[in-house]
């Protein structure tokens, strides 16, 4: 059960000194509870809302109560999607809101896609929640911050000869969604592109990675952290080319 929206359209709280209004989006209630507790010690941070999916998140952001959004990367099954597509929409619709990505996906390709999207504050869920405090401050001031696990992953990105950093942002997003269990048709509907475009981007990603079979593509995505290892990929997709 997702957490309930509790933000209200109010003026910035009157606090001593500097205060940042922070909204948290994550589809795991336990993570929201943990982050709420972790941020409670920061006198410069006021948690003004939580959301369990992008639909709830946009309702909160519409109230104008957010300076910095801390959002999970993967929040499937909601109105505005997740990942790069969601962050891009937030940047267009709420340009004053700064972003911190909180994720268990620390693959170099995912991190590079975030950076190319202009998102340079990323905290791994494998690290202590208190790393979010400097990340939020860095995002608010236009800075860069990576938690220790993310920083380590960035340093190791050149070790794999088949690094998915070769993929474009859209190819990487198609690969992630496909490996998460969506069909080509479902991906096309989610990202508002044609089935032919999605099939082409998937085929191009497989060619770049030297992968010929769908089962190997799914295994590659899981082994390289493009999707969480706990994800359950769906059945094979009919990838017959369109006329």
Protein backbone atom coordinates (compact mmCIF):
# COMPACT_ATOMS: atom_id res chain seq x y z
CA UNK A 1 0.00 0.00 0.00
CA UNK A 2 1.48 3.32 -1.05
CA UNK A 3 1.86 6.18 1.30
CA UNK A 4 -0.88 8.78 1.26
CA UNK A 5 -0.44 12.29 -0.07
CA UNK A 6 -0.08 14.72 2.77
CA UNK A 7 1.33 17.86 1.21
CA UNK A 8 -0.76 21.00 1.43
CA UNK A 9 -0.62 24.25 -0.46
CA UNK A 10 1.00 26.37 2.22
CA UNK A 11 3.63 28.99 2.52
CA UNK A 12 7.19 27.89 3.26
CA UNK A 13 7.39 26.97 6.96
CA UNK A 14 8.81 29.66 9.19
CA UNK A 15 11.98 28.10 10.55
CA UNK A 16 15.13 29.52 12.00
CA UNK A 17 17.71 29.90 9.26
CA UNK A 18 17.71 28.17 5.90
CA UNK A 19 15.14 25.49 5.04
CA UNK A 20 14.60 23.30 1.97
CA UNK A 21 11.21 21.82 1.16
CA UNK A 22 11.72 18.22 0.12
CA UNK A 23 9.31 15.75 -1.47
CA UNK A 24 10.06 12.00 -1.48
CA UNK A 25 8.76 9.55 -4.10
CA UNK A 26 9.25 5.80 -3.70
CA UNK A 27 6.94 2.84 -4.20
CA UNK A 28 8.19 1.05 -1.07
CA UNK A 29 6.54 2.33 2.15
CA UNK A 30 9.42 0.96 4.22
CA UNK A 31 11.91 3.07 2.26
CA UNK A 32 9.77 6.17 2.75
CA UNK A 33 9.63 5.53 6.49
CA UNK A 34 13.40 5.04 6.66
CA UNK A 35 14.16 8.19 4.68
CA UNK A 36 11.68 10.20 6.74
CA UNK A 37 13.50 9.12 9.91
CA UNK A 38 16.92 9.78 8.35
CA UNK A 39 16.02 13.30 7.30
CA UNK A 40 14.37 14.20 10.59
CA UNK A 41 17.75 15.12 12.11
CA UNK A 42 18.48 17.73 9.42
CA UNK A 43 17.21 21.12 10.60
CA UNK A 44 17.69 22.53 7.09
CA UNK A 45 15.28 20.01 5.53
CA UNK A 46 11.47 20.02 5.77
CA UNK A 47 9.77 16.92 4.32
CA UNK A 48 6.60 18.39 2.81
CA UNK A 49 5.18 15.38 0.98
CA UNK A 50 5.58 11.71 0.07
CA UNK A 51 4.27 9.76 -2.91
CA UNK A 52 4.18 6.09 -3.80
CA UNK A 53 3.87 6.62 -7.56
CA UNK A 54 4.13 9.31 -10.22
CA UNK A 55 0.41 10.08 -10.17
CA UNK A 56 0.56 11.03 -6.49
CA UNK A 57 3.87 12.78 -7.07
CA UNK A 58 2.47 15.17 -9.69
CA UNK A 59 -0.42 16.07 -7.41
CA UNK A 60 2.11 17.11 -4.79
CA UNK A 61 4.36 19.00 -7.19
CA UNK A 62 1.33 20.91 -8.48
CA UNK A 63 0.97 22.45 -5.02
CA UNK A 64 4.32 24.22 -5.39
CA UNK A 65 5.62 22.93 -2.06
CA UNK A 66 8.87 21.41 -3.34
CA UNK A 67 12.41 22.75 -3.69
CA UNK A 68 14.13 19.36 -4.03
CA UNK A 69 12.56 16.08 -5.15
CA UNK A 70 14.12 12.82 -3.96
CA UNK A 71 12.80 10.13 -6.27
CA UNK A 72 13.30 6.43 -6.86
CA UNK A 73 14.41 5.54 -10.41
CA UNK A 74 12.03 2.58 -10.85
CA UNK A 75 8.37 3.10 -9.92
CA UNK A 76 6.41 0.99 -12.42
CA UNK A 77 2.68 0.90 -12.95
CA UNK A 78 1.54 4.52 -12.72
CA UNK A 79 0.31 7.36 -14.89
CA UNK A 80 3.56 9.14 -15.76
CA UNK A 81 5.98 6.21 -15.90
CA UNK A 82 9.39 6.22 -14.27
CA UNK A 83 13.09 6.45 -15.03
CA UNK A 84 14.49 8.95 -17.52
CA UNK A 85 11.09 9.58 -19.11
CA UNK A 86 9.62 10.63 -15.76
CA UNK A 87 12.57 12.83 -14.83
CA UNK A 88 12.51 14.52 -18.22
CA UNK A 89 8.81 15.32 -17.81
CA UNK A 90 9.42 16.71 -14.30
CA UNK A 91 12.23 18.92 -15.60
CA UNK A 92 9.96 20.34 -18.29
CA UNK A 93 6.87 20.80 -16.14
CA UNK A 94 8.56 21.91 -12.89
CA UNK A 95 11.85 23.53 -13.96
CA UNK A 96 12.52 25.05 -10.53
CA UNK A 97 12.45 21.66 -8.78
CA UNK A 98 15.89 20.11 -8.25
CA UNK A 99 16.32 16.34 -8.45
CA UNK A 100 18.07 13.73 -6.33
CA UNK A 101 17.74 10.15 -7.57
CA UNK A 102 17.56 7.44 -4.91
CA UNK A 103 18.04 4.03 -6.51
CA UNK A 104 19.30 0.49 -6.16
CA UNK A 105 20.41 0.58 -9.81
CA UNK A 106 24.05 1.70 -9.80
CA UNK A 107 25.00 0.49 -13.28
CA UNK A 108 27.33 2.93 -15.09
CA UNK A 109 24.93 3.14 -18.05
CA UNK A 110 22.06 4.22 -15.82
CA UNK A 111 24.28 6.75 -14.06
CA UNK A 112 25.58 8.13 -17.36
CA UNK A 113 22.02 8.48 -18.65
CA UNK A 114 21.10 10.44 -15.53
CA UNK A 115 24.11 12.69 -15.92
CA UNK A 116 23.33 13.37 -19.57
CA UNK A 117 19.82 14.33 -18.42
CA UNK A 118 21.38 16.98 -16.16
CA UNK A 119 20.89 14.97 -12.95
CA UNK A 120 24.12 14.91 -10.97
CA UNK A 121 22.98 13.99 -7.44
CA UNK A 122 22.49 10.26 -7.01
CA UNK A 123 22.32 8.16 -3.84
CA UNK A 124 22.37 4.37 -3.80
CA UNK A 125 19.90 2.53 -1.59
CA UNK A 126 22.84 0.32 -0.62
CA UNK A 127 24.37 3.29 1.21
CA UNK A 128 23.28 4.84 4.51
CA UNK A 129 20.24 7.10 4.26
CA UNK A 130 22.14 10.03 5.79
CA UNK A 131 24.00 10.45 2.49
CA UNK A 132 20.77 11.99 1.23
CA UNK A 133 21.36 15.10 3.35
CA UNK A 134 24.46 16.36 1.48
CA UNK A 135 22.90 15.19 -1.80
CA UNK A 136 19.82 17.36 -1.19
CA UNK A 137 21.97 20.37 -0.33
CA UNK A 138 24.13 19.81 -3.42
CA UNK A 139 21.07 19.54 -5.70
CA UNK A 140 19.58 22.73 -4.26
CA UNK A 141 22.73 24.66 -5.13
CA UNK A 142 23.31 23.09 -8.55
CA UNK A 143 26.15 20.91 -7.36
CA UNK A 144 27.15 17.28 -7.87
CA UNK A 145 26.97 14.51 -5.29
CA UNK A 146 27.34 10.73 -5.53
CA UNK A 147 27.05 8.44 -2.53
CA UNK A 148 29.99 6.00 -2.03
CA UNK A 149 28.49 3.05 -3.94
CA UNK A 150 27.54 5.28 -6.86
CA UNK A 151 30.98 6.88 -6.94
CA UNK A 152 32.60 3.43 -6.96
CA UNK A 153 30.39 2.33 -9.84
CA UNK A 154 31.35 5.42 -11.82
CA UNK A 155 35.05 4.61 -11.33
CA UNK A 156 34.56 1.05 -12.53
CA UNK A 157 32.54 1.88 -15.64
CA UNK A 158 35.43 1.26 -18.05
CA UNK A 159 36.24 -2.24 -16.75
CA UNK A 160 33.63 -4.06 -18.85
CA UNK A 161 34.51 -4.14 -22.55
CA UNK A 162 30.82 -4.35 -23.40
CA UNK A 163 29.90 -1.40 -21.26
CA UNK A 164 26.30 -0.32 -21.95
CA UNK A 165 27.52 3.28 -21.87
CA UNK A 166 27.70 2.77 -25.65
CA UNK A 167 23.92 2.84 -25.67
CA UNK A 168 21.95 6.01 -26.16
CA UNK A 169 19.59 7.16 -23.40
CA UNK A 170 16.58 5.89 -25.33
CA UNK A 171 18.18 2.53 -26.11
CA UNK A 172 19.06 2.09 -22.44
CA UNK A 173 15.53 2.97 -21.36
CA UNK A 174 14.03 0.51 -23.85
CA UNK A 175 16.39 -2.19 -22.56
CA UNK A 176 15.47 -1.46 -18.94
CA UNK A 177 11.72 -1.51 -19.59
CA UNK A 178 11.95 -4.65 -21.72
CA UNK A 179 14.02 -6.45 -19.09
CA UNK A 180 11.47 -5.36 -16.47
CA UNK A 181 8.84 -7.44 -18.27
CA UNK A 182 7.11 -5.02 -20.63
CA UNK A 183 6.40 -5.97 -24.23
CA UNK A 184 7.49 -3.85 -27.16
CA UNK A 185 3.89 -2.65 -27.56
CA UNK A 186 3.67 -1.73 -23.87
CA UNK A 187 6.97 0.15 -24.00
CA UNK A 188 5.82 2.05 -27.09
CA UNK A 189 2.61 3.07 -25.33
CA UNK A 190 4.43 4.12 -22.15
CA UNK A 191 7.00 6.34 -23.87
CA UNK A 192 4.65 7.56 -26.64
CA UNK A 193 6.64 6.18 -29.55
CA UNK A 194 5.76 3.69 -32.29
CA UNK A 195 6.28 -0.06 -31.99
CA UNK A 196 8.62 0.11 -34.98
CA UNK A 197 10.80 2.73 -33.25
CA UNK A 198 10.98 0.67 -30.04
CA UNK A 199 11.81 -2.52 -31.97
CA UNK A 200 14.56 -0.68 -33.83
CA UNK A 201 16.06 0.75 -30.64
CA UNK A 202 15.98 -2.67 -28.98
CA UNK A 203 17.65 -4.30 -31.99
CA UNK A 204 20.28 -1.56 -32.11
CA UNK A 205 21.05 -2.03 -28.41
CA UNK A 206 21.46 -5.78 -28.90
CA UNK A 207 23.78 -5.21 -31.86
CA UNK A 208 25.95 -2.77 -29.89
CA UNK A 209 26.22 -5.23 -27.00
CA UNK A 210 26.93 -8.22 -29.26
CA UNK A 211 23.79 -10.02 -28.06
CA UNK A 212 21.61 -12.09 -30.39
CA UNK A 213 18.97 -13.75 -28.16
CA UNK A 214 16.33 -12.10 -25.99
CA UNK A 215 17.13 -14.43 -23.09
CA UNK A 216 20.75 -13.23 -23.16
CA UNK A 217 19.57 -9.61 -23.25
CA UNK A 218 17.46 -10.18 -20.13
CA UNK A 219 20.36 -11.91 -18.38
CA UNK A 220 22.72 -9.10 -19.33
CA UNK A 221 20.35 -6.45 -17.97
CA UNK A 222 20.05 -8.25 -14.63
CA UNK A 223 23.75 -9.09 -14.28
CA UNK A 224 24.79 -5.53 -15.06
CA UNK A 225 22.33 -3.78 -12.77
CA UNK A 226 20.17 -2.24 -15.50
CA UNK A 227 17.21 -3.79 -13.69
CA UNK A 228 17.15 -4.96 -10.09
CA UNK A 229 18.03 -8.62 -9.63
CA UNK A 230 14.67 -9.11 -7.91
CA UNK A 231 12.79 -8.08 -11.06
CA UNK A 232 10.85 -10.81 -12.80
CA UNK A 233 11.12 -10.39 -16.59
CA UNK A 234 8.00 -11.25 -18.53
CA UNK A 235 7.59 -13.66 -21.37
CA UNK A 236 9.46 -13.29 -24.62
CA UNK A 237 8.18 -10.55 -26.89
CA UNK A 238 7.05 -10.89 -30.45
CA UNK A 239 9.55 -8.67 -32.20
CA UNK A 240 8.48 -9.25 -35.76
CA UNK A 241 9.17 -6.09 -37.79
CA UNK A 242 6.27 -3.91 -38.77
CA UNK A 243 5.29 -3.45 -42.38
